[in-house]
Amino acid sequence: MHFVDALADEQACPDVVAHLDRIKKLNRGNLYWNEGAAWYRNQLGITLETIAQAGCIMEVNTKGYYLGETDETYPGSWALQWLQIRFASNAQGWVFVHDLKA
């Protein structure tokens, strides 16, 4: 079952979605694909919309960033901006849970 399809199924929907675009860890400097490309952002947008409609919590993970493995968080700045615009007009609040170094 495709992840986006699973979100529509209340039985399969996770409480928290984490590391949404962690695959970009392997794509530093756009080595394999352009993260700004329309096809990539379109798929990410569809996934973000599905997550929002399913009412899942979205983790913002900073570990790759503070370890120097990536240039930004998972999900990245584009996805966070999308979420901010999507939720700017409703009453839902933002909750940030940061990774803690052990």
C-alpha atoms as a PDB file:
ATOM      1  CA  MET A   1       0.000   0.000   0.000  1.00  0.00           C
ATOM      2  CA  HIS A   2       1.329   3.439  -0.949  1.00  0.00           C
ATOM      3  CA  PHE A   3       2.017   5.721   2.033  1.00  0.00           C
ATOM      4  CA  VAL A   4      -0.413   8.417   0.879  1.00  0.00           C
ATOM      5  CA  ASP A   5      -3.149   5.799   0.409  1.00  0.00           C
ATOM      6  CA  ALA A   6      -2.427   4.386   3.870  1.00  0.00           C
ATOM      7  CA  LEU A   7      -3.013   7.806   5.428  1.00  0.00           C
ATOM      8  CA  ALA A   8      -6.549   7.806   4.083  1.00  0.00           C
ATOM      9  CA  ASP A   9      -7.173   4.517   5.880  1.00  0.00           C
ATOM     10  CA  GLU A  10      -7.761   5.295   9.566  1.00  0.00           C
ATOM     11  CA  GLN A  11      -6.554   1.799  10.501  1.00  0.00           C
ATOM     12  CA  ALA A  12      -3.170   2.370   8.832  1.00  0.00           C
ATOM     13  CA  CYS A  13      -2.671   6.076   9.574  1.00  0.00           C
ATOM     14  CA  PRO A  14       0.263   6.680  11.929  1.00  0.00           C
ATOM     15  CA  ASP A  15      -0.032   9.093  14.843  1.00  0.00           C
ATOM     16  CA  VAL A  16       3.234  10.783  13.890  1.00  0.00           C
ATOM     17  CA  VAL A  17       4.915  11.124  10.496  1.00  0.00           C
ATOM     18  CA  ALA A  18       8.683  11.465  10.862  1.00  0.00           C
ATOM     19  CA  HIS A  19      11.623  11.995   8.504  1.00  0.00           C
ATOM     20  CA  LEU A  20       9.261  12.861   5.658  1.00  0.00           C
ATOM     21  CA  ASP A  21      11.988  13.737   3.165  1.00  0.00           C
ATOM     22  CA  ARG A  22      14.973  12.038   4.789  1.00  0.00           C
ATOM     23  CA  ILE A  23      15.954  10.676   1.397  1.00  0.00           C
ATOM     24  CA  LYS A  24      17.463  14.081   0.702  1.00  0.00           C
ATOM     25  CA  LYS A  25      20.289  13.092   3.068  1.00  0.00           C
ATOM     26  CA  LEU A  26      21.674  11.153   0.094  1.00  0.00           C
ATOM     27  CA  ASN A  27      21.026  14.060  -2.282  1.00  0.00           C
ATOM     28  CA  ARG A  28      23.218  16.761  -0.726  1.00  0.00           C
ATOM     29  CA  GLY A  29      23.902  19.467  -3.286  1.00  0.00           C
ATOM     30  CA  ASN A  30      21.148  18.057  -5.543  1.00  0.00           C
ATOM     31  CA  LEU A  31      23.495  15.221  -6.532  1.00  0.00           C
ATOM     32  CA  TYR A  32      20.706  12.939  -7.842  1.00  0.00           C
ATOM     33  CA  TRP A  33      17.723  15.232  -8.372  1.00  0.00           C
ATOM     34  CA  ASN A  34      16.768  18.878  -8.010  1.00  0.00           C
ATOM     35  CA  GLU A  35      14.750  19.301  -4.821  1.00  0.00           C
ATOM     36  CA  GLY A  36      13.280  22.473  -6.302  1.00  0.00           C
ATOM     37  CA  ALA A  37      11.927  20.624  -9.348  1.00  0.00           C
ATOM     38  CA  ALA A  38       8.192  20.793  -9.923  1.00  0.00           C
ATOM     39  CA  TRP A  39       7.720  16.986  -9.907  1.00  0.00           C
ATOM     40  CA  TYR A  40       9.404  16.655  -6.498  1.00  0.00           C
ATOM     41  CA  ARG A  41       7.565  19.555  -4.890  1.00  0.00           C
ATOM     42  CA  ASN A  42       4.279  18.379  -6.382  1.00  0.00           C
ATOM     43  CA  GLN A  43       4.668  14.923  -4.814  1.00  0.00           C
ATOM     44  CA  LEU A  44       5.774  16.423  -1.517  1.00  0.00           C
ATOM     45  CA  GLY A  45       2.794  18.803  -1.612  1.00  0.00           C
ATOM     46  CA  ILE A  46       0.363  15.941  -2.235  1.00  0.00           C
ATOM     47  CA  THR A  47       1.878  14.030   0.671  1.00  0.00           C
ATOM     48  CA  LEU A  48       1.774  17.072   2.987  1.00  0.00           C
ATOM     49  CA  GLU A  49      -1.870  17.730   2.105  1.00  0.00           C
ATOM     50  CA  THR A  50      -2.754  14.114   2.802  1.00  0.00           C
ATOM     51  CA  ILE A  51      -0.931  14.229   6.148  1.00  0.00           C
ATOM     52  CA  ALA A  52      -2.785  17.435   7.047  1.00  0.00           C
ATOM     53  CA  GLN A  53      -6.177  16.012   6.070  1.00  0.00           C
ATOM     54  CA  ALA A  54      -5.493  12.809   8.017  1.00  0.00           C
ATOM     55  CA  GLY A  55      -4.749  14.850  11.143  1.00  0.00           C
ATOM     56  CA  CYS A  56      -1.337  13.286  11.674  1.00  0.00           C
ATOM     57  CA  ILE A  57       1.372  14.970  13.679  1.00  0.00           C
ATOM     58  CA  MET A  58       4.408  15.937  11.598  1.00  0.00           C
ATOM     59  CA  GLU A  59       7.781  15.668  13.264  1.00  0.00           C
ATOM     60  CA  VAL A  60      10.406  18.254  12.376  1.00  0.00           C
ATOM     61  CA  ASN A  61      13.702  16.477  12.891  1.00  0.00           C
ATOM     62  CA  THR A  62      16.927  18.435  13.321  1.00  0.00           C
ATOM     63  CA  LYS A  63      19.419  15.623  13.893  1.00  0.00           C
ATOM     64  CA  GLY A  64      20.825  15.484  10.353  1.00  0.00           C
ATOM     65  CA  TYR A  65      21.242  19.250  10.424  1.00  0.00           C
ATOM     66  CA  TYR A  66      23.055  19.516  13.733  1.00  0.00           C
ATOM     67  CA  LEU A  67      25.281  16.554  12.853  1.00  0.00           C
ATOM     68  CA  GLY A  68      26.218  18.307   9.607  1.00  0.00           C
ATOM     69  CA  GLU A  69      24.765  15.513   7.438  1.00  0.00           C
ATOM     70  CA  THR A  70      22.232  17.813   5.750  1.00  0.00           C
ATOM     71  CA  ASP A  71      21.836  21.519   5.135  1.00  0.00           C
ATOM     72  CA  GLU A  72      18.396  21.681   6.749  1.00  0.00           C
ATOM     73  CA  THR A  73      15.820  19.768   8.786  1.00  0.00           C
ATOM     74  CA  TYR A  74      13.532  16.900   7.772  1.00  0.00           C
ATOM     75  CA  PRO A  75      11.193  18.070   6.334  1.00  0.00           C
ATOM     76  CA  GLY A  76      13.065  20.922   4.696  1.00  0.00           C
ATOM     77  CA  SER A  77      12.355  24.623   4.483  1.00  0.00           C
ATOM     78  CA  TRP A  78      10.087  24.369   1.437  1.00  0.00           C
ATOM     79  CA  ALA A  79       7.804  21.857   3.166  1.00  0.00           C
ATOM     80  CA  LEU A  80       7.752  23.908   6.369  1.00  0.00           C
ATOM     81  CA  GLN A  81       6.811  27.032   4.408  1.00  0.00           C
ATOM     82  CA  TRP A  82       4.049  25.052   2.674  1.00  0.00           C
ATOM     83  CA  LEU A  83       2.707  23.930   6.040  1.00  0.00           C
ATOM     84  CA  GLN A  84       2.886  27.454   7.434  1.00  0.00           C
ATOM     85  CA  ILE A  85       0.857  28.815   4.506  1.00  0.00           C
ATOM     86  CA  ARG A  86      -1.591  25.898   4.686  1.00  0.00           C
ATOM     87  CA  PHE A  87      -2.295  26.452   8.366  1.00  0.00           C
ATOM     88  CA  ALA A  88      -1.870  30.236   8.593  1.00  0.00           C
ATOM     89  CA  SER A  89      -5.608  30.853   8.541  1.00  0.00           C
ATOM     90  CA  ASN A  90      -6.753  28.283  11.105  1.00  0.00           C
ATOM     91  CA  ALA A  91      -6.554  28.061  14.859  1.00  0.00           C
ATOM     92  CA  GLN A  92      -4.164  25.102  15.077  1.00  0.00           C
ATOM     93  CA  GLY A  93      -0.963  25.844  16.905  1.00  0.00           C
ATOM     94  CA  TRP A  94       2.570  24.772  16.146  1.00  0.00           C
ATOM     95  CA  VAL A  95       4.395  22.489  18.529  1.00  0.00           C
ATOM     96  CA  PHE A  96       8.116  22.007  18.084  1.00  0.00           C
ATOM     97  CA  VAL A  97       9.876  19.041  19.622  1.00  0.00           C
ATOM     98  CA  HIS A  98      13.625  19.225  19.190  1.00  0.00           C
ATOM     99  CA  ASP A  99      16.056  16.368  19.036  1.00  0.00           C
ATOM    100  CA  LEU A 100      18.186  16.329  22.133  1.00  0.00           C
ATOM    101  CA  LYS A 101      21.825  15.357  22.009  1.00  0.00           C
ATOM    102  CA  ALA A 102      22.482  12.382  24.270  1.00  0.00           C
END
